[in-house]
Amino acid sequence: MSKTIRLSLGLVLAALNFNAYATPESEVVISDSFTAAAIKHGFKPELANRLCEPLPDIVSITCHHSGEDGPFESLIVQYRYNTRTTHNDMYKHVELNDILIDLKHKQINFWSGHQITTPDGISVNRIEGTSNSYIETGGMRGFVSRTDRRFQQQRDTEYELSHTSEFTYKDLGRKTAIDAITHYQKMVSDNDYVVAYKEDQVIEPVAIMQGASFTFPISEPLRQRLIDVIQQSTK
């Protein structure tokens, strides 16, 4: 089983080639076999190391490898943005946003998870959700191979709505895939509408979230990492 190494920022800076864009806010977690597995899958050591360096606007970075060479092998870099929390008398809404690079399967997943907690006697219902999402590039749209949405009640007063949008660059020509990331502006997800309401009372529903769920910014250092991953994956 793969061990996980948790590094303080000081150790990260000593172990990795720290660049001018790095910020001390990023917490970095690297599994012990990640770099070796990335190299085995065709990535240069310097890129494998750079994928795990701190980045602006990114709260945590996890470079994860497990499963060795088996069918369930996982080789993923997770970039997590700031958690956003909204408080209301009828709910607490926590939003988690990740960009995950699946190095083995050659895809980038944009993932947004919404955790909703309500007081007793107040419920949450997902009214509408479409299965469409796309990368907005300013002149083109598309490039998303699959959108997965899940809404479920975890406990009596806890709910979860998650979105995953897959950009599978192995199915595109290298130029097309790089162009999509080069001109990326945001990920757009259409028509998600979740409401909280009091049981046995007719009231106006309170909207928790609606539309455009994917709004991941990509800094220039992160953009270059994604481009470099695509270039080395598709050679």
C-alpha atoms as a PDB file:
ATOM      1  CA  MET A   1       0.000   0.000   0.000  1.00  0.00           C
ATOM      2  CA  SER A   2       1.327   3.426  -0.911  1.00  0.00           C
ATOM      3  CA  LYS A   3       2.336   5.627   1.994  1.00  0.00           C
ATOM      4  CA  THR A   4       1.565   9.328   2.056  1.00  0.00           C
ATOM      5  CA  ILE A   5       4.116  12.006   2.846  1.00  0.00           C
ATOM      6  CA  ARG A   6       2.782  15.227   4.338  1.00  0.00           C
ATOM      7  CA  LEU A   7       5.236  18.049   3.893  1.00  0.00           C
ATOM      8  CA  SER A   8       5.377  21.366   5.671  1.00  0.00           C
ATOM      9  CA  LEU A   9       5.894  24.332   3.393  1.00  0.00           C
ATOM     10  CA  GLY A  10       9.525  24.597   4.486  1.00  0.00           C
ATOM     11  CA  LEU A  11      10.222  21.024   3.446  1.00  0.00           C
ATOM     12  CA  VAL A  12       8.345  21.510   0.200  1.00  0.00           C
ATOM     13  CA  LEU A  13      10.493  24.500  -0.652  1.00  0.00           C
ATOM     14  CA  ALA A  14      13.636  22.545   0.139  1.00  0.00           C
ATOM     15  CA  ALA A  15      12.552  19.482  -1.836  1.00  0.00           C
ATOM     16  CA  LEU A  16      11.074  21.176  -4.892  1.00  0.00           C
ATOM     17  CA  ASN A  17      12.239  23.908  -7.219  1.00  0.00           C
ATOM     18  CA  PHE A  18      10.203  26.774  -5.786  1.00  0.00           C
ATOM     19  CA  ASN A  19       8.993  29.242  -8.405  1.00  0.00           C
ATOM     20  CA  ALA A  20       8.165  32.925  -8.185  1.00  0.00           C
ATOM     21  CA  TYR A  21       4.416  32.293  -8.243  1.00  0.00           C
ATOM     22  CA  ALA A  22       4.306  29.987  -5.215  1.00  0.00           C
ATOM     23  CA  THR A  23       2.383  31.156  -2.169  1.00  0.00           C
ATOM     24  CA  PRO A  24       2.607  29.827   1.385  1.00  0.00           C
ATOM     25  CA  GLU A  25      -1.118  29.093   1.553  1.00  0.00           C
ATOM     26  CA  SER A  26      -0.902  25.840  -0.406  1.00  0.00           C
ATOM     27  CA  GLU A  27      -0.741  22.688   1.693  1.00  0.00           C
ATOM     28  CA  VAL A  28       1.019  19.925  -0.252  1.00  0.00           C
ATOM     29  CA  VAL A  29       0.525  16.168   0.215  1.00  0.00           C
ATOM     30  CA  ILE A  30       2.565  13.758  -1.925  1.00  0.00           C
ATOM     31  CA  SER A  31       2.301   9.961  -1.855  1.00  0.00           C
ATOM     32  CA  ASP A  32       5.705   8.320  -1.687  1.00  0.00           C
ATOM     33  CA  SER A  33       5.473   6.598  -5.085  1.00  0.00           C
ATOM     34  CA  PHE A  34       3.899   9.473  -7.025  1.00  0.00           C
ATOM     35  CA  THR A  35       7.000  10.764  -8.827  1.00  0.00           C
ATOM     36  CA  ALA A  36       8.207   7.304  -9.823  1.00  0.00           C
ATOM     37  CA  ALA A  37       4.745   6.393 -11.133  1.00  0.00           C
ATOM     38  CA  ALA A  38       4.485   9.645 -13.107  1.00  0.00           C
ATOM     39  CA  ILE A  39       7.869   9.014 -14.716  1.00  0.00           C
ATOM     40  CA  LYS A  40       6.783   5.473 -15.569  1.00  0.00           C
ATOM     41  CA  HIS A  41       3.724   6.915 -17.330  1.00  0.00           C
ATOM     42  CA  GLY A  42       5.949   9.079 -19.518  1.00  0.00           C
ATOM     43  CA  PHE A  43       6.286  12.357 -17.626  1.00  0.00           C
ATOM     44  CA  LYS A  44       9.645  14.039 -17.124  1.00  0.00           C
ATOM     45  CA  PRO A  45      10.830  14.215 -13.489  1.00  0.00           C
ATOM     46  CA  GLU A  46      10.882  18.020 -13.502  1.00  0.00           C
ATOM     47  CA  LEU A  47       7.220  18.154 -14.548  1.00  0.00           C
ATOM     48  CA  ALA A  48       6.209  15.497 -12.021  1.00  0.00           C
ATOM     49  CA  ASN A  49       7.843  17.592  -9.287  1.00  0.00           C
ATOM     50  CA  ARG A  50       6.433  20.888 -10.561  1.00  0.00           C
ATOM     51  CA  LEU A  51       2.875  19.514 -10.520  1.00  0.00           C
ATOM     52  CA  CYS A  52       3.177  19.306  -6.737  1.00  0.00           C
ATOM     53  CA  GLU A  53       4.534  22.813  -6.112  1.00  0.00           C
ATOM     54  CA  PRO A  54       2.349  25.461  -4.392  1.00  0.00           C
ATOM     55  CA  LEU A  55       0.229  27.758  -6.556  1.00  0.00           C
ATOM     56  CA  PRO A  56      -1.631  31.047  -6.093  1.00  0.00           C
ATOM     57  CA  ASP A  57      -5.329  30.725  -5.173  1.00  0.00           C
ATOM     58  CA  ILE A  58      -4.896  27.007  -4.458  1.00  0.00           C
ATOM     59  CA  VAL A  59      -5.478  25.943  -0.848  1.00  0.00           C
ATOM     60  CA  SER A  60      -4.128  22.420  -1.135  1.00  0.00           C
ATOM     61  CA  ILE A  61      -2.387  20.188  -3.656  1.00  0.00           C
ATOM     62  CA  THR A  62      -2.505  16.395  -3.420  1.00  0.00           C
ATOM     63  CA  CYS A  63      -0.276  14.286  -5.667  1.00  0.00           C
ATOM     64  CA  HIS A  64      -1.679  10.794  -5.224  1.00  0.00           C
ATOM     65  CA  HIS A  65      -0.612   7.385  -6.491  1.00  0.00           C
ATOM     66  CA  SER A  66      -2.040   4.038  -5.402  1.00  0.00           C
ATOM     67  CA  GLY A  67      -2.863   0.638  -6.814  1.00  0.00           C
ATOM     68  CA  GLU A  68       0.549   0.018  -8.363  1.00  0.00           C
ATOM     69  CA  ASP A  69       0.089  -1.490 -11.868  1.00  0.00           C
ATOM     70  CA  GLY A  70      -3.321  -3.018 -11.187  1.00  0.00           C
ATOM     71  CA  PRO A  71      -6.604  -2.200 -12.945  1.00  0.00           C
ATOM     72  CA  PHE A  72      -7.514   0.258 -10.165  1.00  0.00           C
ATOM     73  CA  GLU A  73      -4.275   2.214 -10.259  1.00  0.00           C
ATOM     74  CA  SER A  74      -4.809   5.883  -9.506  1.00  0.00           C
ATOM     75  CA  LEU A  75      -2.412   8.680 -10.490  1.00  0.00           C
ATOM     76  CA  ILE A  76      -4.045  12.025  -9.803  1.00  0.00           C
ATOM     77  CA  VAL A  77      -3.041  15.595  -8.974  1.00  0.00           C
ATOM     78  CA  GLN A  78      -5.771  17.468  -7.085  1.00  0.00           C
ATOM     79  CA  TYR A  79      -5.821  21.264  -6.894  1.00  0.00           C
ATOM     80  CA  ARG A  80      -8.358  22.571  -4.354  1.00  0.00           C
ATOM     81  CA  TYR A  81      -9.620  26.144  -4.308  1.00  0.00           C
ATOM     82  CA  ASN A  82     -10.789  28.089  -1.274  1.00  0.00           C
ATOM     83  CA  THR A  83     -13.828  26.671   0.463  1.00  0.00           C
ATOM     84  CA  ARG A  84     -16.777  29.072   0.323  1.00  0.00           C
ATOM     85  CA  THR A  85     -19.409  29.013   3.058  1.00  0.00           C
ATOM     86  CA  THR A  86     -22.845  30.665   3.015  1.00  0.00           C
ATOM     87  CA  HIS A  87     -24.920  30.933   6.193  1.00  0.00           C
ATOM     88  CA  ASN A  88     -28.685  31.411   6.155  1.00  0.00           C
ATOM     89  CA  ASP A  89     -31.439  30.793   8.724  1.00  0.00           C
ATOM     90  CA  MET A  90     -32.550  27.833   6.622  1.00  0.00           C
ATOM     91  CA  TYR A  91     -29.228  26.307   5.613  1.00  0.00           C
ATOM     92  CA  LYS A  92     -25.444  26.308   5.693  1.00  0.00           C
ATOM     93  CA  HIS A  93     -23.873  25.836   2.264  1.00  0.00           C
ATOM     94  CA  VAL A  94     -20.215  24.824   1.873  1.00  0.00           C
ATOM     95  CA  GLU A  95     -18.771  24.712  -1.641  1.00  0.00           C
ATOM     96  CA  LEU A  96     -15.572  22.812  -2.498  1.00  0.00           C
ATOM     97  CA  ASN A  97     -13.979  23.228  -5.930  1.00  0.00           C
ATOM     98  CA  ASP A  98     -11.258  20.986  -7.373  1.00  0.00           C
ATOM     99  CA  ILE A  99      -9.356  20.600 -10.606  1.00  0.00           C
ATOM    100  CA  LEU A 100      -8.084  17.023 -10.839  1.00  0.00           C
ATOM    101  CA  ILE A 101      -5.555  15.877 -13.411  1.00  0.00           C
ATOM    102  CA  ASP A 102      -5.903  12.148 -14.061  1.00  0.00           C
ATOM    103  CA  LEU A 103      -2.445  11.427 -15.434  1.00  0.00           C
ATOM    104  CA  LYS A 104      -3.154   7.772 -16.159  1.00  0.00           C
ATOM    105  CA  HIS A 105      -6.413   8.233 -18.084  1.00  0.00           C
ATOM    106  CA  LYS A 106      -5.360  11.538 -19.671  1.00  0.00           C
ATOM    107  CA  GLN A 107      -8.222  13.721 -18.573  1.00  0.00           C
ATOM    108  CA  ILE A 108      -8.830  16.813 -16.477  1.00  0.00           C
ATOM    109  CA  ASN A 109     -11.848  16.771 -14.184  1.00  0.00           C
ATOM    110  CA  PHE A 110     -13.510  19.953 -12.952  1.00  0.00           C
ATOM    111  CA  TRP A 111     -15.309  18.978  -9.725  1.00  0.00           C
ATOM    112  CA  SER A 112     -17.618  21.057  -7.566  1.00  0.00           C
ATOM    113  CA  GLY A 113     -19.111  19.691  -4.364  1.00  0.00           C
ATOM    114  CA  HIS A 114     -21.902  21.424  -2.459  1.00  0.00           C
ATOM    115  CA  GLN A 115     -22.497  20.341   1.144  1.00  0.00           C
ATOM    116  CA  ILE A 116     -25.748  21.626   2.596  1.00  0.00           C
ATOM    117  CA  THR A 117     -26.737  21.393   6.262  1.00  0.00           C
ATOM    118  CA  THR A 118     -30.179  22.468   7.536  1.00  0.00           C
ATOM    119  CA  PRO A 119     -31.840  22.786  10.954  1.00  0.00           C
ATOM    120  CA  ASP A 120     -34.500  20.260  12.006  1.00  0.00           C
ATOM    121  CA  GLY A 121     -37.762  20.716  10.145  1.00  0.00           C
ATOM    122  CA  ILE A 122     -36.142  22.198   7.045  1.00  0.00           C
ATOM    123  CA  SER A 123     -35.445  20.098   3.970  1.00  0.00           C
ATOM    124  CA  VAL A 124     -33.508  20.588   0.752  1.00  0.00           C
ATOM    125  CA  ASN A 125     -34.614  19.549  -2.713  1.00  0.00           C
ATOM    126  CA  ARG A 126     -32.892  19.766  -6.075  1.00  0.00           C
ATOM    127  CA  ILE A 127     -35.539  21.214  -8.356  1.00  0.00           C
ATOM    128  CA  GLU A 128     -33.754  21.154 -11.699  1.00  0.00           C
ATOM    129  CA  GLY A 129     -30.432  20.115 -13.163  1.00  0.00           C
ATOM    130  CA  THR A 130     -29.244  19.582 -16.713  1.00  0.00           C
ATOM    131  CA  SER A 131     -26.504  17.272 -17.918  1.00  0.00           C
ATOM    132  CA  ASN A 132     -24.756  19.926 -19.979  1.00  0.00           C
ATOM    133  CA  SER A 133     -21.506  21.726 -19.220  1.00  0.00           C
ATOM    134  CA  TYR A 134     -18.746  23.133 -21.361  1.00  0.00           C
ATOM    135  CA  ILE A 135     -15.462  25.007 -21.354  1.00  0.00           C
ATOM    136  CA  GLU A 136     -15.882  28.655 -22.273  1.00  0.00           C
ATOM    137  CA  THR A 137     -12.905  29.917 -24.255  1.00  0.00           C
ATOM    138  CA  GLY A 138     -14.195  33.251 -25.504  1.00  0.00           C
ATOM    139  CA  GLY A 139     -14.723  32.026 -29.042  1.00  0.00           C
ATOM    140  CA  MET A 140     -15.436  28.318 -28.746  1.00  0.00           C
ATOM    141  CA  ARG A 141     -17.373  26.036 -26.448  1.00  0.00           C
ATOM    142  CA  GLY A 142     -17.268  22.330 -25.970  1.00  0.00           C
ATOM    143  CA  PHE A 143     -14.457  19.893 -25.204  1.00  0.00           C
ATOM    144  CA  VAL A 144     -16.268  18.242 -22.275  1.00  0.00           C
ATOM    145  CA  SER A 145     -16.637  14.510 -22.800  1.00  0.00           C
ATOM    146  CA  ARG A 146     -18.906  13.740 -19.838  1.00  0.00           C
ATOM    147  CA  THR A 147     -20.823  15.534 -17.111  1.00  0.00           C
ATOM    148  CA  ASP A 148     -21.807  13.663 -13.955  1.00  0.00           C
ATOM    149  CA  ARG A 149     -24.209  15.144 -11.417  1.00  0.00           C
ATOM    150  CA  ARG A 150     -25.254  13.596  -8.136  1.00  0.00           C
ATOM    151  CA  PHE A 151     -27.657  14.852  -5.500  1.00  0.00           C
ATOM    152  CA  GLN A 152     -28.255  12.811  -2.372  1.00  0.00           C
ATOM    153  CA  GLN A 153     -29.366  13.128   1.210  1.00  0.00           C
ATOM    154  CA  GLN A 154     -26.517  12.021   3.462  1.00  0.00           C
ATOM    155  CA  ARG A 155     -28.381  12.256   6.792  1.00  0.00           C
ATOM    156  CA  ASP A 156     -31.608  13.798   8.083  1.00  0.00           C
ATOM    157  CA  THR A 157     -30.312  17.343   7.707  1.00  0.00           C
ATOM    158  CA  GLU A 158     -27.285  16.879   5.435  1.00  0.00           C
ATOM    159  CA  TYR A 159     -27.324  16.930   1.627  1.00  0.00           C
ATOM    160  CA  GLU A 160     -24.714  16.780  -1.084  1.00  0.00           C
ATOM    161  CA  LEU A 161     -24.762  17.967  -4.687  1.00  0.00           C
ATOM    162  CA  SER A 162     -21.672  17.213  -6.758  1.00  0.00           C
ATOM    163  CA  HIS A 163     -20.665  17.919 -10.360  1.00  0.00           C
ATOM    164  CA  THR A 164     -17.846  16.410 -12.367  1.00  0.00           C
ATOM    165  CA  SER A 165     -17.055  17.623 -15.858  1.00  0.00           C
ATOM    166  CA  GLU A 166     -14.446  15.640 -17.783  1.00  0.00           C
ATOM    167  CA  PHE A 167     -12.098  17.168 -20.331  1.00  0.00           C
ATOM    168  CA  THR A 168     -10.561  14.048 -21.918  1.00  0.00           C
ATOM    169  CA  TYR A 169      -7.628  15.396 -23.874  1.00  0.00           C
ATOM    170  CA  LYS A 170      -6.454  11.983 -25.139  1.00  0.00           C
ATOM    171  CA  ASP A 171      -9.482  11.966 -27.472  1.00  0.00           C
ATOM    172  CA  LEU A 172      -8.464  15.259 -29.090  1.00  0.00           C
ATOM    173  CA  GLY A 173      -5.581  16.279 -31.283  1.00  0.00           C
ATOM    174  CA  ARG A 174      -2.775  17.846 -29.256  1.00  0.00           C
ATOM    175  CA  LYS A 175      -3.288  21.296 -30.819  1.00  0.00           C
ATOM    176  CA  THR A 176      -7.030  21.243 -30.177  1.00  0.00           C
ATOM    177  CA  ALA A 177      -6.554  20.195 -26.550  1.00  0.00           C
ATOM    178  CA  ILE A 178      -3.851  22.792 -25.917  1.00  0.00           C
ATOM    179  CA  ASP A 179      -5.940  25.511 -27.583  1.00  0.00           C
ATOM    180  CA  ALA A 180      -8.859  24.714 -25.258  1.00  0.00           C
ATOM    181  CA  ILE A 181      -6.684  25.197 -22.165  1.00  0.00           C
ATOM    182  CA  THR A 182      -4.756  28.140 -23.604  1.00  0.00           C
ATOM    183  CA  HIS A 183      -7.980  30.078 -24.219  1.00  0.00           C
ATOM    184  CA  TYR A 184      -9.877  28.709 -21.210  1.00  0.00           C
ATOM    185  CA  GLN A 185     -11.932  31.348 -19.402  1.00  0.00           C
ATOM    186  CA  LYS A 186     -14.259  29.295 -17.221  1.00  0.00           C
ATOM    187  CA  MET A 187     -16.212  26.076 -16.919  1.00  0.00           C
ATOM    188  CA  VAL A 188     -19.946  26.604 -17.261  1.00  0.00           C
ATOM    189  CA  SER A 189     -22.646  24.315 -15.873  1.00  0.00           C
ATOM    190  CA  ASP A 190     -26.242  25.074 -16.844  1.00  0.00           C
ATOM    191  CA  ASN A 191     -29.316  25.210 -14.610  1.00  0.00           C
ATOM    192  CA  ASP A 192     -28.720  23.736 -11.198  1.00  0.00           C
ATOM    193  CA  TYR A 193     -31.382  24.930  -8.810  1.00  0.00           C
ATOM    194  CA  VAL A 194     -31.495  23.745  -5.204  1.00  0.00           C
ATOM    195  CA  VAL A 195     -33.949  25.060  -2.591  1.00  0.00           C
ATOM    196  CA  ALA A 196     -34.514  24.800   1.133  1.00  0.00           C
ATOM    197  CA  TYR A 197     -38.089  24.736   2.449  1.00  0.00           C
ATOM    198  CA  LYS A 198     -39.928  24.255   5.740  1.00  0.00           C
ATOM    199  CA  GLU A 199     -41.904  21.058   6.079  1.00  0.00           C
ATOM    200  CA  ASP A 200     -45.709  21.371   6.025  1.00  0.00           C
ATOM    201  CA  GLN A 201     -45.554  25.087   5.302  1.00  0.00           C
ATOM    202  CA  VAL A 202     -46.177  26.864   2.049  1.00  0.00           C
ATOM    203  CA  ILE A 203     -43.384  29.407   1.704  1.00  0.00           C
ATOM    204  CA  GLU A 204     -41.294  30.880  -1.041  1.00  0.00           C
ATOM    205  CA  PRO A 205     -38.317  28.512  -1.583  1.00  0.00           C
ATOM    206  CA  VAL A 206     -34.858  29.815  -0.766  1.00  0.00           C
ATOM    207  CA  ALA A 207     -32.404  29.281  -3.605  1.00  0.00           C
ATOM    208  CA  ILE A 208     -29.024  27.925  -2.525  1.00  0.00           C
ATOM    209  CA  MET A 209     -27.377  27.851  -5.934  1.00  0.00           C
ATOM    210  CA  GLN A 210     -28.470  28.393  -9.497  1.00  0.00           C
ATOM    211  CA  GLY A 211     -26.585  28.055 -12.757  1.00  0.00           C
ATOM    212  CA  ALA A 212     -22.934  28.454 -13.724  1.00  0.00           C
ATOM    213  CA  SER A 213     -21.725  26.139 -10.975  1.00  0.00           C
ATOM    214  CA  PHE A 214     -18.269  25.754 -12.510  1.00  0.00           C
ATOM    215  CA  THR A 215     -16.308  28.969 -12.253  1.00  0.00           C
ATOM    216  CA  PHE A 216     -12.737  27.744 -11.749  1.00  0.00           C
ATOM    217  CA  PRO A 217     -10.092  30.394 -12.409  1.00  0.00           C
ATOM    218  CA  ILE A 218      -6.830  29.178 -13.898  1.00  0.00           C
ATOM    219  CA  SER A 219      -3.706  31.166 -13.043  1.00  0.00           C
ATOM    220  CA  GLU A 220      -0.984  31.380 -15.655  1.00  0.00           C
ATOM    221  CA  PRO A 221       1.319  28.985 -13.744  1.00  0.00           C
ATOM    222  CA  LEU A 222      -1.499  26.415 -13.512  1.00  0.00           C
ATOM    223  CA  ARG A 223      -2.409  26.921 -17.160  1.00  0.00           C
ATOM    224  CA  GLN A 224       1.189  26.171 -18.155  1.00  0.00           C
ATOM    225  CA  ARG A 225       1.209  23.017 -16.023  1.00  0.00           C
ATOM    226  CA  LEU A 226      -1.931  21.764 -17.749  1.00  0.00           C
ATOM    227  CA  ILE A 227      -0.480  22.519 -21.181  1.00  0.00           C
ATOM    228  CA  ASP A 228       2.765  20.722 -20.300  1.00  0.00           C
ATOM    229  CA  VAL A 229       0.818  17.681 -19.080  1.00  0.00           C
ATOM    230  CA  ILE A 230      -1.109  17.514 -22.367  1.00  0.00           C
ATOM    231  CA  GLN A 231       2.066  17.907 -24.408  1.00  0.00           C
ATOM    232  CA  GLN A 232       3.846  15.069 -22.600  1.00  0.00           C
ATOM    233  CA  SER A 233       0.748  12.861 -22.505  1.00  0.00           C
ATOM    234  CA  THR A 234       0.072  12.978 -26.230  1.00  0.00           C
ATOM    235  CA  LYS A 235       3.577  12.473 -27.634  1.00  0.00           C
END
